[in-house]
Amino acid sequence: MVKTVLYLLEILAALTALVGVALVYVPAALIVGGLAAVVALERATAGPPPTPRKEAR
């Protein structure tokens, strides 16, 4: 539940920043939006870090 809320807040903050850039210069907002989408996809497809396995004795 908490993770979902944090993801939603992160998306809202990114969209707010994107709208702010679009108010100044639309092509820059498209470039920033594309870069943000690539970063978001990379984060979504990245798995959690591997946990170290205990060695068998």
PDB file of N, CA and C in Angstrom:
ATOM      1  N   MET A   1       0.829  -1.196   0.000  1.00  0.00           N
ATOM      2  CA  MET A   1       0.000   0.000   0.000  1.00  0.00           C
ATOM      3  C   MET A   1       0.871   1.257   0.000  1.00  0.00           C
ATOM      4  N   VAL A   2       1.852   1.276   0.883  1.00  0.00           N
ATOM      5  CA  VAL A   2       2.715   2.455   0.983  1.00  0.00           C
ATOM      6  C   VAL A   2       3.513   2.639  -0.298  1.00  0.00           C
ATOM      7  N   LYS A   3       3.991   1.506  -0.873  1.00  0.00           N
ATOM      8  CA  LYS A   3       4.763   1.590  -2.117  1.00  0.00           C
ATOM      9  C   LYS A   3       3.914   2.162  -3.249  1.00  0.00           C
ATOM     10  N   THR A   4       2.645   1.769  -3.297  1.00  0.00           N
ATOM     11  CA  THR A   4       1.747   2.271  -4.341  1.00  0.00           C
ATOM     12  C   THR A   4       1.564   3.773  -4.211  1.00  0.00           C
ATOM     13  N   VAL A   5       1.387   4.250  -2.994  1.00  0.00           N
ATOM     14  CA  VAL A   5       1.216   5.689  -2.769  1.00  0.00           C
ATOM     15  C   VAL A   5       2.476   6.440  -3.162  1.00  0.00           C
ATOM     16  N   LEU A   6       3.641   5.869  -2.832  1.00  0.00           N
ATOM     17  CA  LEU A   6       4.890   6.531  -3.206  1.00  0.00           C
ATOM     18  C   LEU A   6       5.067   6.591  -4.716  1.00  0.00           C
ATOM     19  N   TYR A   7       4.687   5.505  -5.412  1.00  0.00           N
ATOM     20  CA  TYR A   7       4.758   5.517  -6.872  1.00  0.00           C
ATOM     21  C   TYR A   7       3.821   6.576  -7.445  1.00  0.00           C
ATOM     22  N   LEU A   8       2.625   6.674  -6.898  1.00  0.00           N
ATOM     23  CA  LEU A   8       1.671   7.671  -7.388  1.00  0.00           C
ATOM     24  C   LEU A   8       2.179   9.086  -7.141  1.00  0.00           C
ATOM     25  N   LEU A   9       2.778   9.321  -5.989  1.00  0.00           N
ATOM     26  CA  LEU A   9       3.339  10.649  -5.708  1.00  0.00           C
ATOM     27  C   LEU A   9       4.500  10.966  -6.644  1.00  0.00           C
ATOM     28  N   GLU A  10       5.303   9.958  -6.949  1.00  0.00           N
ATOM     29  CA  GLU A  10       6.418  10.161  -7.873  1.00  0.00           C
ATOM     30  C   GLU A  10       5.910  10.503  -9.275  1.00  0.00           C
ATOM     31  N   ILE A  11       4.881   9.815  -9.719  1.00  0.00           N
ATOM     32  CA  ILE A  11       4.294  10.088 -11.034  1.00  0.00           C
ATOM     33  C   ILE A  11       3.688  11.484 -11.060  1.00  0.00           C
ATOM     34  N   LEU A  12       2.992  11.846 -10.000  1.00  0.00           N
ATOM     35  CA  LEU A  12       2.379  13.177  -9.931  1.00  0.00           C
ATOM     36  C   LEU A  12       3.437  14.274  -9.964  1.00  0.00           C
ATOM     37  N   ALA A  13       4.527  14.087  -9.251  1.00  0.00           N
ATOM     38  CA  ALA A  13       5.602  15.084  -9.243  1.00  0.00           C
ATOM     39  C   ALA A  13       6.247  15.195 -10.623  1.00  0.00           C
ATOM     40  N   ALA A  14       6.460  14.059 -11.284  1.00  0.00           N
ATOM     41  CA  ALA A  14       7.061  14.085 -12.615  1.00  0.00           C
ATOM     42  C   ALA A  14       6.137  14.769 -13.616  1.00  0.00           C
ATOM     43  N   LEU A  15       4.848  14.482 -13.547  1.00  0.00           N
ATOM     44  CA  LEU A  15       3.903  15.134 -14.462  1.00  0.00           C
ATOM     45  C   LEU A  15       3.808  16.633 -14.200  1.00  0.00           C
ATOM     46  N   THR A  16       3.848  17.019 -12.949  1.00  0.00           N
ATOM     47  CA  THR A  16       3.813  18.446 -12.613  1.00  0.00           C
ATOM     48  C   THR A  16       5.038  19.159 -13.178  1.00  0.00           C
ATOM     49  N   ALA A  17       6.203  18.553 -13.031  1.00  0.00           N
ATOM     50  CA  ALA A  17       7.419  19.157 -13.592  1.00  0.00           C
ATOM     51  C   ALA A  17       7.340  19.210 -15.108  1.00  0.00           C
ATOM     52  N   LEU A  18       6.790  18.180 -15.717  1.00  0.00           N
ATOM     53  CA  LEU A  18       6.676  18.136 -17.176  1.00  0.00           C
ATOM     54  C   LEU A  18       5.726  19.225 -17.681  1.00  0.00           C
ATOM     55  N   VAL A  19       4.644  19.434 -16.984  1.00  0.00           N
ATOM     56  CA  VAL A  19       3.704  20.495 -17.361  1.00  0.00           C
ATOM     57  C   VAL A  19       4.370  21.860 -17.197  1.00  0.00           C
ATOM     58  N   GLY A  20       5.155  22.028 -16.151  1.00  0.00           N
ATOM     59  CA  GLY A  20       5.873  23.289 -15.957  1.00  0.00           C
ATOM     60  C   GLY A  20       6.836  23.571 -17.092  1.00  0.00           C
ATOM     61  N   VAL A  21       7.540  22.551 -17.558  1.00  0.00           N
ATOM     62  CA  VAL A  21       8.454  22.735 -18.693  1.00  0.00           C
ATOM     63  C   VAL A  21       7.648  23.028 -19.958  1.00  0.00           C
ATOM     64  N   ALA A  22       6.508  22.350 -20.117  1.00  0.00           N
ATOM     65  CA  ALA A  22       5.687  22.551 -21.319  1.00  0.00           C
ATOM     66  C   ALA A  22       5.129  23.963 -21.387  1.00  0.00           C
ATOM     67  N   LEU A  23       4.896  24.569 -20.255  1.00  0.00           N
ATOM     68  CA  LEU A  23       4.409  25.949 -20.263  1.00  0.00           C
ATOM     69  C   LEU A  23       5.455  26.907 -20.821  1.00  0.00           C
ATOM     70  N   VAL A  24       6.726  26.554 -20.694  1.00  0.00           N
ATOM     71  CA  VAL A  24       7.793  27.410 -21.189  1.00  0.00           C
ATOM     72  C   VAL A  24       8.151  27.062 -22.631  1.00  0.00           C
ATOM     73  N   TYR A  25       8.340  25.748 -22.910  1.00  0.00           N
ATOM     74  CA  TYR A  25       8.818  25.343 -24.232  1.00  0.00           C
ATOM     75  C   TYR A  25       8.378  23.905 -24.489  1.00  0.00           C
ATOM     76  N   VAL A  26       7.445  23.718 -25.384  1.00  0.00           N
ATOM     77  CA  VAL A  26       6.834  22.405 -25.626  1.00  0.00           C
ATOM     78  C   VAL A  26       7.832  21.371 -26.154  1.00  0.00           C
ATOM     79  N   PRO A  27       8.701  21.688 -27.128  1.00  0.00           N
ATOM     80  CA  PRO A  27       9.651  20.657 -27.592  1.00  0.00           C
ATOM     81  C   PRO A  27      10.561  20.146 -26.475  1.00  0.00           C
ATOM     82  N   ALA A  28      10.963  21.018 -25.570  1.00  0.00           N
ATOM     83  CA  ALA A  28      11.785  20.573 -24.443  1.00  0.00           C
ATOM     84  C   ALA A  28      10.995  19.625 -23.550  1.00  0.00           C
ATOM     85  N   ALA A  29       9.705  19.885 -23.383  1.00  0.00           N
ATOM     86  CA  ALA A  29       8.871  19.002 -22.570  1.00  0.00           C
ATOM     87  C   ALA A  29       8.748  17.622 -23.215  1.00  0.00           C
ATOM     88  N   LEU A  30       8.684  17.575 -24.536  1.00  0.00           N
ATOM     89  CA  LEU A  30       8.618  16.281 -25.220  1.00  0.00           C
ATOM     90  C   LEU A  30       9.914  15.489 -25.030  1.00  0.00           C
ATOM     91  N   ILE A  31      11.039  16.178 -25.100  1.00  0.00           N
ATOM     92  CA  ILE A  31      12.324  15.509 -24.900  1.00  0.00           C
ATOM     93  C   ILE A  31      12.445  15.019 -23.460  1.00  0.00           C
ATOM     94  N   VAL A  32      12.130  15.870 -22.505  1.00  0.00           N
ATOM     95  CA  VAL A  32      12.214  15.488 -21.095  1.00  0.00           C
ATOM     96  C   VAL A  32      11.232  14.350 -20.791  1.00  0.00           C
ATOM     97  N   GLY A  33      10.052  14.408 -21.376  1.00  0.00           N
ATOM     98  CA  GLY A  33       9.075  13.338 -21.180  1.00  0.00           C
ATOM     99  C   GLY A  33       9.556  12.007 -21.735  1.00  0.00           C
ATOM    100  N   GLY A  34      10.205  12.046 -22.885  1.00  0.00           N
ATOM    101  CA  GLY A  34      10.761  10.822 -23.457  1.00  0.00           C
ATOM    102  C   GLY A  34      11.857  10.234 -22.598  1.00  0.00           C
ATOM    103  N   LEU A  35      12.740  11.088 -22.106  1.00  0.00           N
ATOM    104  CA  LEU A  35      13.798  10.606 -21.219  1.00  0.00           C
ATOM    105  C   LEU A  35      13.222  10.045 -19.919  1.00  0.00           C
ATOM    106  N   ALA A  36      12.212  10.716 -19.383  1.00  0.00           N
ATOM    107  CA  ALA A  36      11.578  10.234 -18.151  1.00  0.00           C
ATOM    108  C   ALA A  36      10.892   8.888 -18.387  1.00  0.00           C
ATOM    109  N   ALA A  37      10.315   8.702 -19.559  1.00  0.00           N
ATOM    110  CA  ALA A  37       9.664   7.432 -19.869  1.00  0.00           C
ATOM    111  C   ALA A  37      10.688   6.302 -19.955  1.00  0.00           C
ATOM    112  N   VAL A  38      11.838   6.577 -20.548  1.00  0.00           N
ATOM    113  CA  VAL A  38      12.886   5.553 -20.632  1.00  0.00           C
ATOM    114  C   VAL A  38      13.368   5.173 -19.235  1.00  0.00           C
ATOM    115  N   VAL A  39      13.589   6.166 -18.395  1.00  0.00           N
ATOM    116  CA  VAL A  39      14.032   5.894 -17.021  1.00  0.00           C
ATOM    117  C   VAL A  39      12.968   5.106 -16.265  1.00  0.00           C
ATOM    118  N   ALA A  40      11.703   5.467 -16.448  1.00  0.00           N
ATOM    119  CA  ALA A  40      10.619   4.763 -15.758  1.00  0.00           C
ATOM    120  C   ALA A  40      10.526   3.312 -16.205  1.00  0.00           C
ATOM    121  N   LEU A  41      10.693   3.070 -17.493  1.00  0.00           N
ATOM    122  CA  LEU A  41      10.657   1.691 -17.985  1.00  0.00           C
ATOM    123  C   LEU A  41      11.845   0.880 -17.472  1.00  0.00           C
ATOM    124  N   GLU A  42      13.001   1.498 -17.412  1.00  0.00           N
ATOM    125  CA  GLU A  42      14.173   0.800 -16.880  1.00  0.00           C
ATOM    126  C   GLU A  42      13.968   0.445 -15.412  1.00  0.00           C
ATOM    127  N   ARG A  43      13.401   1.374 -14.652  1.00  0.00           N
ATOM    128  CA  ARG A  43      13.155   1.101 -13.238  1.00  0.00           C
ATOM    129  C   ARG A  43      12.099   0.030 -13.051  1.00  0.00           C
ATOM    130  N   ALA A  44      11.088   0.026 -13.918  1.00  0.00           N
ATOM    131  CA  ALA A  44      10.002  -0.947 -13.787  1.00  0.00           C
ATOM    132  C   ALA A  44      10.473  -2.353 -14.139  1.00  0.00           C
ATOM    133  N   THR A  45      11.366  -2.468 -15.118  1.00  0.00           N
ATOM    134  CA  THR A  45      11.810  -3.795 -15.538  1.00  0.00           C
ATOM    135  C   THR A  45      12.968  -4.324 -14.708  1.00  0.00           C
ATOM    136  N   ALA A  46      13.628  -3.457 -13.952  1.00  0.00           N
ATOM    137  CA  ALA A  46      14.742  -3.903 -13.115  1.00  0.00           C
ATOM    138  C   ALA A  46      14.188  -4.646 -11.906  1.00  0.00           C
ATOM    139  N   GLY A  47      14.731  -5.787 -11.666  1.00  0.00           N
ATOM    140  CA  GLY A  47      14.305  -6.572 -10.518  1.00  0.00           C
ATOM    141  C   GLY A  47      14.983  -6.072  -9.254  1.00  0.00           C
ATOM    142  N   PRO A  48      14.559  -6.590  -8.127  1.00  0.00           N
ATOM    143  CA  PRO A  48      15.234  -6.213  -6.884  1.00  0.00           C
ATOM    144  C   PRO A  48      16.654  -6.765  -6.871  1.00  0.00           C
ATOM    145  N   PRO A  49      17.521  -6.174  -6.094  1.00  0.00           N
ATOM    146  CA  PRO A  49      18.898  -6.680  -6.057  1.00  0.00           C
ATOM    147  C   PRO A  49      18.916  -8.113  -5.523  1.00  0.00           C
ATOM    148  N   PRO A  50      19.801  -8.927  -6.050  1.00  0.00           N
ATOM    149  CA  PRO A  50      19.836 -10.319  -5.604  1.00  0.00           C
ATOM    150  C   PRO A  50      20.267 -10.410  -4.139  1.00  0.00           C
ATOM    151  N   THR A  51      19.643 -11.312  -3.434  1.00  0.00           N
ATOM    152  CA  THR A  51      20.005 -11.510  -2.037  1.00  0.00           C
ATOM    153  C   THR A  51      21.114 -12.550  -1.962  1.00  0.00           C
ATOM    154  N   PRO A  52      22.080 -12.319  -1.103  1.00  0.00           N
ATOM    155  CA  PRO A  52      23.159 -13.303  -1.000  1.00  0.00           C
ATOM    156  C   PRO A  52      22.640 -14.614  -0.424  1.00  0.00           C
ATOM    157  N   ARG A  53      23.071 -15.710  -1.018  1.00  0.00           N
ATOM    158  CA  ARG A  53      22.642 -17.026  -0.562  1.00  0.00           C
ATOM    159  C   ARG A  53      23.609 -17.550   0.483  1.00  0.00           C
ATOM    160  N   LYS A  54      23.064 -18.225   1.451  1.00  0.00           N
ATOM    161  CA  LYS A  54      23.911 -18.836   2.469  1.00  0.00           C
ATOM    162  C   LYS A  54      24.531 -20.096   1.896  1.00  0.00           C
ATOM    163  N   GLU A  55      25.795 -20.267   2.173  1.00  0.00           N
ATOM    164  CA  GLU A  55      26.489 -21.442   1.666  1.00  0.00           C
ATOM    165  C   GLU A  55      26.109 -22.678   2.484  1.00  0.00           C
ATOM    166  N   ALA A  56      25.967 -23.793   1.804  1.00  0.00           N
ATOM    167  CA  ALA A  56      25.681 -25.044   2.500  1.00  0.00           C
ATOM    168  C   ALA A  56      26.947 -25.569   3.168  1.00  0.00           C
ATOM    169  N   ARG A  57      26.766 -26.141   4.330  1.00  0.00           N
ATOM    170  CA  ARG A  57      27.930 -26.648   5.052  1.00  0.00           C
ATOM    171  C   ARG A  57      28.151 -28.096   4.789  1.00  0.00           C
TER     172      ARG A  57
END
